[in-house]
Amino acid sequence: MFPRSWFYAAWHLLVNNSPVERRMTAGFGLFGYALIKFGFEPAPLLLGFVLGKLMEEKLRQALVISRGIFMTSSTGRSARAAAVSLCWW
């Protein structure tokens, strides 16, 4: 049996028969297939795409409110060092 998402994509292409939308659908489909084929989990990537901008805005807002104290204090330096070490690990 076909996945339900295939039926949604087919219905969308039947209703909106635009060449640009067909190319975008094919491109996103190939991208998703490549992610699964190479072992990437799509859910964390989707969360990153959706929540990334919001998290960046809130970080900027917090830095403005604190007047950059987090960037200059010893606690902030150690937290940044821990974050960088976790990224490299």
PDB file of N, CA and C in Angstrom:
ATOM      1  N   MET A   1       0.838  -1.182   0.000  1.00  0.00           N
ATOM      2  CA  MET A   1       0.000   0.000   0.000  1.00  0.00           C
ATOM      3  C   MET A   1       0.881   1.243   0.000  1.00  0.00           C
ATOM      4  N   PHE A   2       0.443   2.277  -0.656  1.00  0.00           N
ATOM      5  CA  PHE A   2       1.210   3.509  -0.752  1.00  0.00           C
ATOM      6  C   PHE A   2       1.046   4.346   0.513  1.00  0.00           C
ATOM      7  N   PRO A   3       2.095   5.068   0.891  1.00  0.00           N
ATOM      8  CA  PRO A   3       1.949   5.976   2.043  1.00  0.00           C
ATOM      9  C   PRO A   3       0.930   7.077   1.744  1.00  0.00           C
ATOM     10  N   ARG A   4       0.285   7.535   2.769  1.00  0.00           N
ATOM     11  CA  ARG A   4      -0.751   8.550   2.619  1.00  0.00           C
ATOM     12  C   ARG A   4      -0.192   9.843   2.029  1.00  0.00           C
ATOM     13  N   SER A   5       1.076  10.162   2.347  1.00  0.00           N
ATOM     14  CA  SER A   5       1.677  11.401   1.838  1.00  0.00           C
ATOM     15  C   SER A   5       1.773  11.395   0.323  1.00  0.00           C
ATOM     16  N   TRP A   6       1.911  10.217  -0.291  1.00  0.00           N
ATOM     17  CA  TRP A   6       1.967  10.157  -1.755  1.00  0.00           C
ATOM     18  C   TRP A   6       0.630  10.596  -2.354  1.00  0.00           C
ATOM     19  N   PHE A   7      -0.457  10.206  -1.700  1.00  0.00           N
ATOM     20  CA  PHE A   7      -1.771  10.604  -2.204  1.00  0.00           C
ATOM     21  C   PHE A   7      -1.979  12.116  -2.060  1.00  0.00           C
ATOM     22  N   TYR A   8      -1.490  12.686  -0.953  1.00  0.00           N
ATOM     23  CA  TYR A   8      -1.601  14.126  -0.776  1.00  0.00           C
ATOM     24  C   TYR A   8      -0.798  14.867  -1.840  1.00  0.00           C
ATOM     25  N   ALA A   9       0.410  14.392  -2.119  1.00  0.00           N
ATOM     26  CA  ALA A   9       1.242  15.029  -3.142  1.00  0.00           C
ATOM     27  C   ALA A   9       0.602  14.903  -4.513  1.00  0.00           C
ATOM     28  N   ALA A  10       0.058  13.732  -4.810  1.00  0.00           N
ATOM     29  CA  ALA A  10      -0.590  13.548  -6.109  1.00  0.00           C
ATOM     30  C   ALA A  10      -1.817  14.448  -6.233  1.00  0.00           C
ATOM     31  N   TRP A  11      -2.601  14.565  -5.182  1.00  0.00           N
ATOM     32  CA  TRP A  11      -3.778  15.427  -5.220  1.00  0.00           C
ATOM     33  C   TRP A  11      -3.368  16.887  -5.421  1.00  0.00           C
ATOM     34  N   HIS A  12      -2.326  17.316  -4.737  1.00  0.00           N
ATOM     35  CA  HIS A  12      -1.848  18.683  -4.876  1.00  0.00           C
ATOM     36  C   HIS A  12      -1.400  18.954  -6.314  1.00  0.00           C
ATOM     37  N   LEU A  13      -0.711  18.007  -6.911  1.00  0.00           N
ATOM     38  CA  LEU A  13      -0.250  18.195  -8.281  1.00  0.00           C
ATOM     39  C   LEU A  13      -1.411  18.164  -9.272  1.00  0.00           C
ATOM     40  N   LEU A  14      -2.463  17.430  -8.954  1.00  0.00           N
ATOM     41  CA  LEU A  14      -3.626  17.416  -9.842  1.00  0.00           C
ATOM     42  C   LEU A  14      -4.391  18.736  -9.773  1.00  0.00           C
ATOM     43  N   VAL A  15      -4.486  19.293  -8.580  1.00  0.00           N
ATOM     44  CA  VAL A  15      -5.244  20.530  -8.416  1.00  0.00           C
ATOM     45  C   VAL A  15      -4.462  21.718  -8.953  1.00  0.00           C
ATOM     46  N   ASN A  16      -3.190  21.845  -8.564  1.00  0.00           N
ATOM     47  CA  ASN A  16      -2.337  22.951  -8.991  1.00  0.00           C
ATOM     48  C   ASN A  16      -1.310  22.403  -9.980  1.00  0.00           C
ATOM     49  N   ASN A  17      -1.611  22.448 -11.222  1.00  0.00           N
ATOM     50  CA  ASN A  17      -0.737  21.855 -12.225  1.00  0.00           C
ATOM     51  C   ASN A  17       0.289  22.886 -12.695  1.00  0.00           C
ATOM     52  N   SER A  18       1.141  23.335 -11.783  1.00  0.00           N
ATOM     53  CA  SER A  18       2.150  24.324 -12.097  1.00  0.00           C
ATOM     54  C   SER A  18       3.512  23.636 -12.243  1.00  0.00           C
ATOM     55  N   PRO A  19       4.284  23.959 -13.270  1.00  0.00           N
ATOM     56  CA  PRO A  19       5.606  23.334 -13.418  1.00  0.00           C
ATOM     57  C   PRO A  19       6.541  23.631 -12.255  1.00  0.00           C
ATOM     58  N   VAL A  20       6.432  24.830 -11.694  1.00  0.00           N
ATOM     59  CA  VAL A  20       7.294  25.182 -10.565  1.00  0.00           C
ATOM     60  C   VAL A  20       6.963  24.298  -9.367  1.00  0.00           C
ATOM     61  N   GLU A  21       5.686  24.097  -9.093  1.00  0.00           N
ATOM     62  CA  GLU A  21       5.299  23.269  -7.960  1.00  0.00           C
ATOM     63  C   GLU A  21       5.662  21.806  -8.188  1.00  0.00           C
ATOM     64  N   ARG A  22       5.597  21.338  -9.419  1.00  0.00           N
ATOM     65  CA  ARG A  22       6.022  19.961  -9.701  1.00  0.00           C
ATOM     66  C   ARG A  22       7.505  19.793  -9.432  1.00  0.00           C
ATOM     67  N   ARG A  23       8.322  20.774  -9.848  1.00  0.00           N
ATOM     68  CA  ARG A  23       9.766  20.690  -9.604  1.00  0.00           C
ATOM     69  C   ARG A  23      10.075  20.762  -8.113  1.00  0.00           C
ATOM     70  N   MET A  24       9.377  21.643  -7.404  1.00  0.00           N
ATOM     71  CA  MET A  24       9.601  21.746  -5.960  1.00  0.00           C
ATOM     72  C   MET A  24       9.213  20.448  -5.252  1.00  0.00           C
ATOM     73  N   THR A  25       8.093  19.859  -5.645  1.00  0.00           N
ATOM     74  CA  THR A  25       7.662  18.606  -5.034  1.00  0.00           C
ATOM     75  C   THR A  25       8.675  17.502  -5.295  1.00  0.00           C
ATOM     76  N   ALA A  26       9.151  17.425  -6.535  1.00  0.00           N
ATOM     77  CA  ALA A  26      10.153  16.411  -6.866  1.00  0.00           C
ATOM     78  C   ALA A  26      11.453  16.672  -6.112  1.00  0.00           C
ATOM     79  N   GLY A  27      11.848  17.923  -6.012  1.00  0.00           N
ATOM     80  CA  GLY A  27      13.084  18.254  -5.302  1.00  0.00           C
ATOM     81  C   GLY A  27      13.016  17.916  -3.830  1.00  0.00           C
ATOM     82  N   PHE A  28      11.911  18.280  -3.175  1.00  0.00           N
ATOM     83  CA  PHE A  28      11.774  17.956  -1.756  1.00  0.00           C
ATOM     84  C   PHE A  28      11.653  16.448  -1.549  1.00  0.00           C
ATOM     85  N   GLY A  29      11.020  15.773  -2.477  1.00  0.00           N
ATOM     86  CA  GLY A  29      10.936  14.319  -2.379  1.00  0.00           C
ATOM     87  C   GLY A  29      12.297  13.661  -2.487  1.00  0.00           C
ATOM     88  N   LEU A  30      13.109  14.118  -3.433  1.00  0.00           N
ATOM     89  CA  LEU A  30      14.469  13.577  -3.569  1.00  0.00           C
ATOM     90  C   LEU A  30      15.328  13.916  -2.357  1.00  0.00           C
ATOM     91  N   PHE A  31      15.149  15.131  -1.829  1.00  0.00           N
ATOM     92  CA  PHE A  31      15.890  15.527  -0.631  1.00  0.00           C
ATOM     93  C   PHE A  31      15.525  14.627   0.544  1.00  0.00           C
ATOM     94  N   GLY A  32      14.237  14.378   0.740  1.00  0.00           N
ATOM     95  CA  GLY A  32      13.796  13.500   1.820  1.00  0.00           C
ATOM     96  C   GLY A  32      14.276  12.070   1.632  1.00  0.00           C
ATOM     97  N   TYR A  33      14.257  11.592   0.389  1.00  0.00           N
ATOM     98  CA  TYR A  33      14.745  10.244   0.106  1.00  0.00           C
ATOM     99  C   TYR A  33      16.237  10.138   0.419  1.00  0.00           C
ATOM    100  N   ALA A  34      17.013  11.171   0.040  1.00  0.00           N
ATOM    101  CA  ALA A  34      18.450  11.166   0.315  1.00  0.00           C
ATOM    102  C   ALA A  34      18.719  11.196   1.818  1.00  0.00           C
ATOM    103  N   LEU A  35      17.934  11.970   2.563  1.00  0.00           N
ATOM    104  CA  LEU A  35      18.114  12.008   4.012  1.00  0.00           C
ATOM    105  C   LEU A  35      17.897  10.637   4.635  1.00  0.00           C
ATOM    106  N   ILE A  36      16.849   9.968   4.227  1.00  0.00           N
ATOM    107  CA  ILE A  36      16.562   8.646   4.781  1.00  0.00           C
ATOM    108  C   ILE A  36      17.609   7.635   4.324  1.00  0.00           C
ATOM    109  N   LYS A  37      18.042   7.735   3.073  1.00  0.00           N
ATOM    110  CA  LYS A  37      19.022   6.797   2.537  1.00  0.00           C
ATOM    111  C   LYS A  37      20.370   6.910   3.251  1.00  0.00           C
ATOM    112  N   PHE A  38      20.779   8.143   3.607  1.00  0.00           N
ATOM    113  CA  PHE A  38      22.055   8.347   4.283  1.00  0.00           C
ATOM    114  C   PHE A  38      21.943   8.256   5.799  1.00  0.00           C
ATOM    115  N   GLY A  39      20.767   7.926   6.314  1.00  0.00           N
ATOM    116  CA  GLY A  39      20.617   7.676   7.739  1.00  0.00           C
ATOM    117  C   GLY A  39      20.295   8.893   8.595  1.00  0.00           C
ATOM    118  N   PHE A  40      19.928  10.006   7.985  1.00  0.00           N
ATOM    119  CA  PHE A  40      19.550  11.175   8.768  1.00  0.00           C
ATOM    120  C   PHE A  40      18.106  11.038   9.222  1.00  0.00           C
ATOM    121  N   GLU A  41      17.846  11.498  10.425  1.00  0.00           N
ATOM    122  CA  GLU A  41      16.474  11.511  10.928  1.00  0.00           C
ATOM    123  C   GLU A  41      15.817  12.812  10.475  1.00  0.00           C
ATOM    124  N   PRO A  42      14.671  12.750   9.821  1.00  0.00           N
ATOM    125  CA  PRO A  42      14.040  13.978   9.325  1.00  0.00           C
ATOM    126  C   PRO A  42      13.382  14.833  10.412  1.00  0.00           C
ATOM    127  N   ALA A  43      12.960  14.247  11.525  1.00  0.00           N
ATOM    128  CA  ALA A  43      12.241  15.009  12.546  1.00  0.00           C
ATOM    129  C   ALA A  43      13.103  16.094  13.197  1.00  0.00           C
ATOM    130  N   PRO A  44      14.343  15.817  13.621  1.00  0.00           N
ATOM    131  CA  PRO A  44      15.151  16.901  14.202  1.00  0.00           C
ATOM    132  C   PRO A  44      15.457  18.010  13.206  1.00  0.00           C
ATOM    133  N   LEU A  45      15.649  17.643  11.945  1.00  0.00           N
ATOM    134  CA  LEU A  45      15.896  18.673  10.935  1.00  0.00           C
ATOM    135  C   LEU A  45      14.668  19.559  10.747  1.00  0.00           C
ATOM    136  N   LEU A  46      13.503  18.952  10.742  1.00  0.00           N
ATOM    137  CA  LEU A  46      12.271  19.724  10.601  1.00  0.00           C
ATOM    138  C   LEU A  46      12.078  20.657  11.792  1.00  0.00           C
ATOM    139  N   LEU A  47      12.346  20.166  12.992  1.00  0.00           N
ATOM    140  CA  LEU A  47      12.244  21.019  14.176  1.00  0.00           C
ATOM    141  C   LEU A  47      13.238  22.172  14.108  1.00  0.00           C
ATOM    142  N   GLY A  48      14.438  21.889  13.623  1.00  0.00           N
ATOM    143  CA  GLY A  48      15.435  22.941  13.479  1.00  0.00           C
ATOM    144  C   GLY A  48      15.011  24.004  12.486  1.00  0.00           C
ATOM    145  N   PHE A  49      14.433  23.578  11.371  1.00  0.00           N
ATOM    146  CA  PHE A  49      13.973  24.547  10.381  1.00  0.00           C
ATOM    147  C   PHE A  49      12.817  25.379  10.906  1.00  0.00           C
ATOM    148  N   VAL A  50      11.914  24.751  11.634  1.00  0.00           N
ATOM    149  CA  VAL A  50      10.734  25.463  12.116  1.00  0.00           C
ATOM    150  C   VAL A  50      11.068  26.365  13.300  1.00  0.00           C
ATOM    151  N   LEU A  51      11.832  25.856  14.255  1.00  0.00           N
ATOM    152  CA  LEU A  51      12.088  26.597  15.492  1.00  0.00           C
ATOM    153  C   LEU A  51      13.363  27.423  15.466  1.00  0.00           C
ATOM    154  N   GLY A  52      14.194  27.264  14.453  1.00  0.00           N
ATOM    155  CA  GLY A  52      15.482  27.949  14.418  1.00  0.00           C
ATOM    156  C   GLY A  52      15.372  29.459  14.463  1.00  0.00           C
ATOM    157  N   LYS A  53      14.498  30.021  13.656  1.00  0.00           N
ATOM    158  CA  LYS A  53      14.348  31.471  13.612  1.00  0.00           C
ATOM    159  C   LYS A  53      13.809  32.014  14.935  1.00  0.00           C
ATOM    160  N   LEU A  54      12.848  31.320  15.514  1.00  0.00           N
ATOM    161  CA  LEU A  54      12.279  31.747  16.787  1.00  0.00           C
ATOM    162  C   LEU A  54      13.335  31.706  17.894  1.00  0.00           C
ATOM    163  N   MET A  55      14.154  30.650  17.909  1.00  0.00           N
ATOM    164  CA  MET A  55      15.192  30.548  18.931  1.00  0.00           C
ATOM    165  C   MET A  55      16.236  31.648  18.756  1.00  0.00           C
ATOM    166  N   GLU A  56      16.575  31.970  17.524  1.00  0.00           N
ATOM    167  CA  GLU A  56      17.545  33.039  17.283  1.00  0.00           C
ATOM    168  C   GLU A  56      17.003  34.389  17.753  1.00  0.00           C
ATOM    169  N   GLU A  57      15.732  34.666  17.485  1.00  0.00           N
ATOM    170  CA  GLU A  57      15.126  35.922  17.927  1.00  0.00           C
ATOM    171  C   GLU A  57      15.111  36.026  19.449  1.00  0.00           C
ATOM    172  N   LYS A  58      14.766  34.938  20.116  1.00  0.00           N
ATOM    173  CA  LYS A  58      14.708  34.955  21.587  1.00  0.00           C
ATOM    174  C   LYS A  58      16.102  35.074  22.194  1.00  0.00           C
ATOM    175  N   LEU A  59      17.118  34.489  21.561  1.00  0.00           N
ATOM    176  CA  LEU A  59      18.481  34.652  22.051  1.00  0.00           C
ATOM    177  C   LEU A  59      18.926  36.103  21.936  1.00  0.00           C
ATOM    178  N   ARG A  60      18.630  36.730  20.807  1.00  0.00           N
ATOM    179  CA  ARG A  60      18.965  38.143  20.652  1.00  0.00           C
ATOM    180  C   ARG A  60      18.237  39.007  21.670  1.00  0.00           C
ATOM    181  N   GLN A  61      16.969  38.710  21.906  1.00  0.00           N
ATOM    182  CA  GLN A  61      16.198  39.463  22.884  1.00  0.00           C
ATOM    183  C   GLN A  61      16.794  39.306  24.278  1.00  0.00           C
ATOM    184  N   ALA A  62      17.200  38.094  24.631  1.00  0.00           N
ATOM    185  CA  ALA A  62      17.798  37.869  25.950  1.00  0.00           C
ATOM    186  C   ALA A  62      19.137  38.585  26.079  1.00  0.00           C
ATOM    187  N   LEU A  63      19.935  38.612  25.004  1.00  0.00           N
ATOM    188  CA  LEU A  63      21.217  39.309  25.065  1.00  0.00           C
ATOM    189  C   LEU A  63      21.025  40.820  25.183  1.00  0.00           C
ATOM    190  N   VAL A  64      20.003  41.356  24.528  1.00  0.00           N
ATOM    191  CA  VAL A  64      19.730  42.786  24.638  1.00  0.00           C
ATOM    192  C   VAL A  64      19.274  43.126  26.055  1.00  0.00           C
ATOM    193  N   ILE A  65      18.404  42.292  26.621  1.00  0.00           N
ATOM    194  CA  ILE A  65      17.908  42.547  27.970  1.00  0.00           C
ATOM    195  C   ILE A  65      19.045  42.474  28.983  1.00  0.00           C
ATOM    196  N   SER A  66      19.963  41.511  28.819  1.00  0.00           N
ATOM    197  CA  SER A  66      21.060  41.357  29.788  1.00  0.00           C
ATOM    198  C   SER A  66      22.228  42.291  29.493  1.00  0.00           C
ATOM    199  N   ARG A  67      22.151  43.049  28.418  1.00  0.00           N
ATOM    200  CA  ARG A  67      23.209  43.984  28.008  1.00  0.00           C
ATOM    201  C   ARG A  67      24.541  43.276  27.799  1.00  0.00           C
ATOM    202  N   GLY A  68      24.496  42.037  27.357  1.00  0.00           N
ATOM    203  CA  GLY A  68      25.712  41.317  27.015  1.00  0.00           C
ATOM    204  C   GLY A  68      26.485  40.765  28.180  1.00  0.00           C
ATOM    205  N   ILE A  69      25.898  40.743  29.373  1.00  0.00           N
ATOM    206  CA  ILE A  69      26.610  40.242  30.547  1.00  0.00           C
ATOM    207  C   ILE A  69      26.956  38.765  30.369  1.00  0.00           C
ATOM    208  N   PHE A  70      26.080  38.028  29.708  1.00  0.00           N
ATOM    209  CA  PHE A  70      26.334  36.599  29.491  1.00  0.00           C
ATOM    210  C   PHE A  70      27.585  36.389  28.630  1.00  0.00           C
ATOM    211  N   MET A  71      27.877  37.337  27.762  1.00  0.00           N
ATOM    212  CA  MET A  71      29.035  37.189  26.873  1.00  0.00           C
ATOM    213  C   MET A  71      30.345  37.523  27.577  1.00  0.00           C
ATOM    214  N   THR A  72      30.321  38.274  28.674  1.00  0.00           N
ATOM    215  CA  THR A  72      31.563  38.710  29.313  1.00  0.00           C
ATOM    216  C   THR A  72      31.818  38.051  30.663  1.00  0.00           C
ATOM    217  N   SER A  73      30.830  37.463  31.288  1.00  0.00           N
ATOM    218  CA  SER A  73      31.032  36.879  32.619  1.00  0.00           C
ATOM    219  C   SER A  73      31.732  35.525  32.511  1.00  0.00           C
ATOM    220  N   SER A  74      32.290  35.085  33.621  1.00  0.00           N
ATOM    221  CA  SER A  74      32.986  33.793  33.628  1.00  0.00           C
ATOM    222  C   SER A  74      32.004  32.640  33.442  1.00  0.00           C
ATOM    223  N   THR A  75      30.786  32.781  33.960  1.00  0.00           N
ATOM    224  CA  THR A  75      29.768  31.749  33.761  1.00  0.00           C
ATOM    225  C   THR A  75      29.412  31.631  32.283  1.00  0.00           C
ATOM    226  N   GLY A  76      29.285  32.755  31.630  1.00  0.00           N
ATOM    227  CA  GLY A  76      28.987  32.739  30.203  1.00  0.00           C
ATOM    228  C   GLY A  76      30.103  32.121  29.383  1.00  0.00           C
ATOM    229  N   ARG A  77      31.355  32.448  29.761  1.00  0.00           N
ATOM    230  CA  ARG A  77      32.493  31.868  29.037  1.00  0.00           C
ATOM    231  C   ARG A  77      32.535  30.352  29.212  1.00  0.00           C
ATOM    232  N   SER A  78      32.282  29.878  30.413  1.00  0.00           N
ATOM    233  CA  SER A  78      32.314  28.431  30.629  1.00  0.00           C
ATOM    234  C   SER A  78      31.144  27.739  29.918  1.00  0.00           C
ATOM    235  N   ALA A  79      29.979  28.380  29.871  1.00  0.00           N
ATOM    236  CA  ALA A  79      28.839  27.804  29.152  1.00  0.00           C
ATOM    237  C   ALA A  79      29.125  27.748  27.658  1.00  0.00           C
ATOM    238  N   ARG A  80      29.735  28.801  27.115  1.00  0.00           N
ATOM    239  CA  ARG A  80      30.082  28.779  25.689  1.00  0.00           C
ATOM    240  C   ARG A  80      31.137  27.729  25.398  1.00  0.00           C
ATOM    241  N   ALA A  81      32.114  27.571  26.291  1.00  0.00           N
ATOM    242  CA  ALA A  81      33.145  26.544  26.109  1.00  0.00           C
ATOM    243  C   ALA A  81      32.524  25.153  26.138  1.00  0.00           C
ATOM    244  N   ALA A  82      31.575  24.925  27.045  1.00  0.00           N
ATOM    245  CA  ALA A  82      30.892  23.633  27.109  1.00  0.00           C
ATOM    246  C   ALA A  82      30.086  23.380  25.833  1.00  0.00           C
ATOM    247  N   ALA A  83      29.411  24.424  25.326  1.00  0.00           N
ATOM    248  CA  ALA A  83      28.627  24.267  24.101  1.00  0.00           C
ATOM    249  C   ALA A  83      29.520  23.955  22.917  1.00  0.00           C
ATOM    250  N   VAL A  84      30.660  24.639  22.816  1.00  0.00           N
ATOM    251  CA  VAL A  84      31.579  24.379  21.707  1.00  0.00           C
ATOM    252  C   VAL A  84      32.156  22.976  21.806  1.00  0.00           C
ATOM    253  N   SER A  85      32.501  22.549  23.009  1.00  0.00           N
ATOM    254  CA  SER A  85      33.067  21.197  23.165  1.00  0.00           C
ATOM    255  C   SER A  85      32.025  20.137  22.833  1.00  0.00           C
ATOM    256  N   LEU A  86      30.769  20.383  23.182  1.00  0.00           N
ATOM    257  CA  LEU A  86      29.720  19.418  22.817  1.00  0.00           C
ATOM    258  C   LEU A  86      29.500  19.388  21.310  1.00  0.00           C
ATOM    259  N   CYS A  87      29.638  20.523  20.659  1.00  0.00           N
ATOM    260  CA  CYS A  87      29.485  20.553  19.194  1.00  0.00           C
ATOM    261  C   CYS A  87      30.600  19.779  18.514  1.00  0.00           C
ATOM    262  N   TRP A  88      31.801  19.851  19.046  1.00  0.00           N
ATOM    263  CA  TRP A  88      32.929  19.135  18.434  1.00  0.00           C
ATOM    264  C   TRP A  88      32.912  17.652  18.774  1.00  0.00           C
ATOM    265  N   TRP A  89      32.253  17.279  19.866  1.00  0.00           N
ATOM    266  CA  TRP A  89      32.222  15.885  20.295  1.00  0.00           C
ATOM    267  C   TRP A  89      31.236  15.175  19.460  1.00  0.00           C
TER     268      TRP A  89
END
